[in-house]
Amino acid sequence: MLQDLLHSSFEEHLNTPFHIHFGGEAPLEVILYEVRLHEAHGGPRKQPYSVYFRGPRQVVLPQAIYRVEHEKLGPMEIFIVPIGPDALGMRYEAVFN
């Protein structure tokens, strides 16, 4: 379950592909490139964190909840926000708090 995933769950899969289903013919392949811890704030998670994905620059997904799949973590529904391109591609963030 999504609420059971910890930052360490994602850290184990840094630099591996995830697939975002967005209504296209095929899912968008993105790479998990960073996991960043946030300061605890008394929310539902003891340790809030963000995960960052990078995909191709040619496709820019709007912020929305997407079905995301990973070969080890399985399918999950995640709210993803585009944060802009860098030299390597389009970047996205998902916050878990």
C-alpha atoms as a PDB file:
ATOM      1  CA  MET A   1       0.000   0.000   0.000  1.00  0.00           C
ATOM      2  CA  LEU A   2       1.141   3.523  -0.760  1.00  0.00           C
ATOM      3  CA  GLN A   3       0.967   4.639   2.875  1.00  0.00           C
ATOM      4  CA  ASP A   4       3.402   1.847   3.788  1.00  0.00           C
ATOM      5  CA  LEU A   5       6.118   3.069   1.421  1.00  0.00           C
ATOM      6  CA  LEU A   6       9.035   4.746   3.157  1.00  0.00           C
ATOM      7  CA  HIS A   7      11.759   6.880   1.620  1.00  0.00           C
ATOM      8  CA  SER A   8      14.006   3.824   1.892  1.00  0.00           C
ATOM      9  CA  SER A   9      11.519   1.887  -0.267  1.00  0.00           C
ATOM     10  CA  PHE A  10      12.289   4.285  -3.111  1.00  0.00           C
ATOM     11  CA  GLU A  11      15.995   4.736  -2.323  1.00  0.00           C
ATOM     12  CA  GLU A  12      16.500   1.033  -3.039  1.00  0.00           C
ATOM     13  CA  HIS A  13      15.329   1.730  -6.603  1.00  0.00           C
ATOM     14  CA  LEU A  14      17.278   4.874  -7.480  1.00  0.00           C
ATOM     15  CA  ASN A  15      18.244   5.036 -11.162  1.00  0.00           C
ATOM     16  CA  THR A  16      15.654   2.443 -12.168  1.00  0.00           C
ATOM     17  CA  PRO A  17      12.709   2.911 -14.548  1.00  0.00           C
ATOM     18  CA  PHE A  18       9.141   3.621 -13.489  1.00  0.00           C
ATOM     19  CA  HIS A  19       6.218   3.718 -15.923  1.00  0.00           C
ATOM     20  CA  ILE A  20       3.565   6.436 -15.745  1.00  0.00           C
ATOM     21  CA  HIS A  21       0.214   5.652 -17.348  1.00  0.00           C
ATOM     22  CA  PHE A  22      -1.190   8.892 -18.745  1.00  0.00           C
ATOM     23  CA  GLY A  23      -3.647   7.850 -21.427  1.00  0.00           C
ATOM     24  CA  GLY A  24      -1.148   7.580 -24.249  1.00  0.00           C
ATOM     25  CA  GLU A  25      -0.582   4.490 -26.346  1.00  0.00           C
ATOM     26  CA  ALA A  26       2.243   3.393 -24.074  1.00  0.00           C
ATOM     27  CA  PRO A  27       3.194   4.479 -20.560  1.00  0.00           C
ATOM     28  CA  LEU A  28       5.846   7.140 -20.142  1.00  0.00           C
ATOM     29  CA  GLU A  29       9.136   5.729 -18.887  1.00  0.00           C
ATOM     30  CA  VAL A  30      10.839   7.890 -16.263  1.00  0.00           C
ATOM     31  CA  ILE A  31      13.879   7.283 -14.068  1.00  0.00           C
ATOM     32  CA  LEU A  32      13.874   7.791 -10.305  1.00  0.00           C
ATOM     33  CA  TYR A  33      16.920  10.010  -9.777  1.00  0.00           C
ATOM     34  CA  GLU A  34      16.550  11.414  -6.247  1.00  0.00           C
ATOM     35  CA  VAL A  35      14.834  10.872  -2.905  1.00  0.00           C
ATOM     36  CA  ARG A  36      14.885  13.840  -0.535  1.00  0.00           C
ATOM     37  CA  LEU A  37      13.817  13.866   3.120  1.00  0.00           C
ATOM     38  CA  HIS A  38      11.796  16.785   4.514  1.00  0.00           C
ATOM     39  CA  GLU A  39      11.547  18.143   8.020  1.00  0.00           C
ATOM     40  CA  ALA A  40       8.949  16.344  10.143  1.00  0.00           C
ATOM     41  CA  HIS A  41       5.844  18.501  10.666  1.00  0.00           C
ATOM     42  CA  GLY A  42       3.389  16.450  12.691  1.00  0.00           C
ATOM     43  CA  GLY A  43       1.554  15.115   9.633  1.00  0.00           C
ATOM     44  CA  PRO A  44       0.519  11.508   9.061  1.00  0.00           C
ATOM     45  CA  ARG A  45       4.062  10.427   8.111  1.00  0.00           C
ATOM     46  CA  LYS A  46       6.867  10.363  10.648  1.00  0.00           C
ATOM     47  CA  GLN A  47       9.350  11.216   7.915  1.00  0.00           C
ATOM     48  CA  PRO A  48       7.952  13.138   4.926  1.00  0.00           C
ATOM     49  CA  TYR A  49       9.902  12.923   1.696  1.00  0.00           C
ATOM     50  CA  SER A  50       9.848  13.656  -2.026  1.00  0.00           C
ATOM     51  CA  VAL A  51      10.827  11.471  -4.941  1.00  0.00           C
ATOM     52  CA  TYR A  52      12.067  12.911  -8.223  1.00  0.00           C
ATOM     53  CA  PHE A  53      11.687  11.397 -11.660  1.00  0.00           C
ATOM     54  CA  ARG A  54      13.197  12.416 -14.996  1.00  0.00           C
ATOM     55  CA  GLY A  55      11.617  11.629 -18.345  1.00  0.00           C
ATOM     56  CA  PRO A  56      11.913  12.754 -21.943  1.00  0.00           C
ATOM     57  CA  ARG A  57      11.606  16.474 -22.680  1.00  0.00           C
ATOM     58  CA  GLN A  58       9.180  15.839 -25.557  1.00  0.00           C
ATOM     59  CA  VAL A  59       6.343  14.854 -23.197  1.00  0.00           C
ATOM     60  CA  VAL A  60       5.269  17.135 -20.337  1.00  0.00           C
ATOM     61  CA  LEU A  61       2.627  15.672 -18.063  1.00  0.00           C
ATOM     62  CA  PRO A  62       0.371  18.115 -16.192  1.00  0.00           C
ATOM     63  CA  GLN A  63       0.088  17.759 -12.432  1.00  0.00           C
ATOM     64  CA  ALA A  64      -2.362  14.981 -11.663  1.00  0.00           C
ATOM     65  CA  ILE A  65      -2.737  11.611 -10.005  1.00  0.00           C
ATOM     66  CA  TYR A  66      -1.224   8.923 -12.227  1.00  0.00           C
ATOM     67  CA  ARG A  67      -0.933   5.170 -12.089  1.00  0.00           C
ATOM     68  CA  VAL A  68       2.786   4.539 -11.695  1.00  0.00           C
ATOM     69  CA  GLU A  69       4.319   1.076 -11.968  1.00  0.00           C
ATOM     70  CA  HIS A  70       7.686  -0.330 -10.989  1.00  0.00           C
ATOM     71  CA  GLU A  71       8.800  -3.920 -11.504  1.00  0.00           C
ATOM     72  CA  LYS A  72       9.615  -4.409  -7.785  1.00  0.00           C
ATOM     73  CA  LEU A  73       7.286  -1.918  -6.043  1.00  0.00           C
ATOM     74  CA  GLY A  74       4.280  -2.722  -8.220  1.00  0.00           C
ATOM     75  CA  PRO A  75       1.488  -0.314  -9.195  1.00  0.00           C
ATOM     76  CA  MET A  76       0.590   2.779  -7.173  1.00  0.00           C
ATOM     77  CA  GLU A  77      -1.459   5.941  -7.613  1.00  0.00           C
ATOM     78  CA  ILE A  78       0.756   9.021  -7.116  1.00  0.00           C
ATOM     79  CA  PHE A  79       0.154  12.766  -7.415  1.00  0.00           C
ATOM     80  CA  ILE A  80       2.935  14.008  -9.688  1.00  0.00           C
ATOM     81  CA  VAL A  81       3.905  17.616 -10.371  1.00  0.00           C
ATOM     82  CA  PRO A  82       6.144  18.753 -13.239  1.00  0.00           C
ATOM     83  CA  ILE A  83       9.008  20.884 -11.890  1.00  0.00           C
ATOM     84  CA  GLY A  84      10.661  21.777 -15.171  1.00  0.00           C
ATOM     85  CA  PRO A  85      13.342  20.598 -17.514  1.00  0.00           C
ATOM     86  CA  ASP A  86      17.051  20.314 -16.926  1.00  0.00           C
ATOM     87  CA  ALA A  87      19.863  19.374 -19.298  1.00  0.00           C
ATOM     88  CA  LEU A  88      18.847  15.691 -19.164  1.00  0.00           C
ATOM     89  CA  GLY A  89      15.058  15.832 -19.503  1.00  0.00           C
ATOM     90  CA  MET A  90      11.765  16.811 -17.880  1.00  0.00           C
ATOM     91  CA  ARG A  91      11.656  16.517 -14.089  1.00  0.00           C
ATOM     92  CA  TYR A  92       8.716  15.538 -11.869  1.00  0.00           C
ATOM     93  CA  GLU A  93       8.184  15.494  -8.100  1.00  0.00           C
ATOM     94  CA  ALA A  94       5.913  13.417  -5.892  1.00  0.00           C
ATOM     95  CA  VAL A  95       5.627  14.440  -2.220  1.00  0.00           C
ATOM     96  CA  PHE A  96       4.775  11.953   0.522  1.00  0.00           C
ATOM     97  CA  ASN A  97       3.736  13.715   3.726  1.00  0.00           C
END
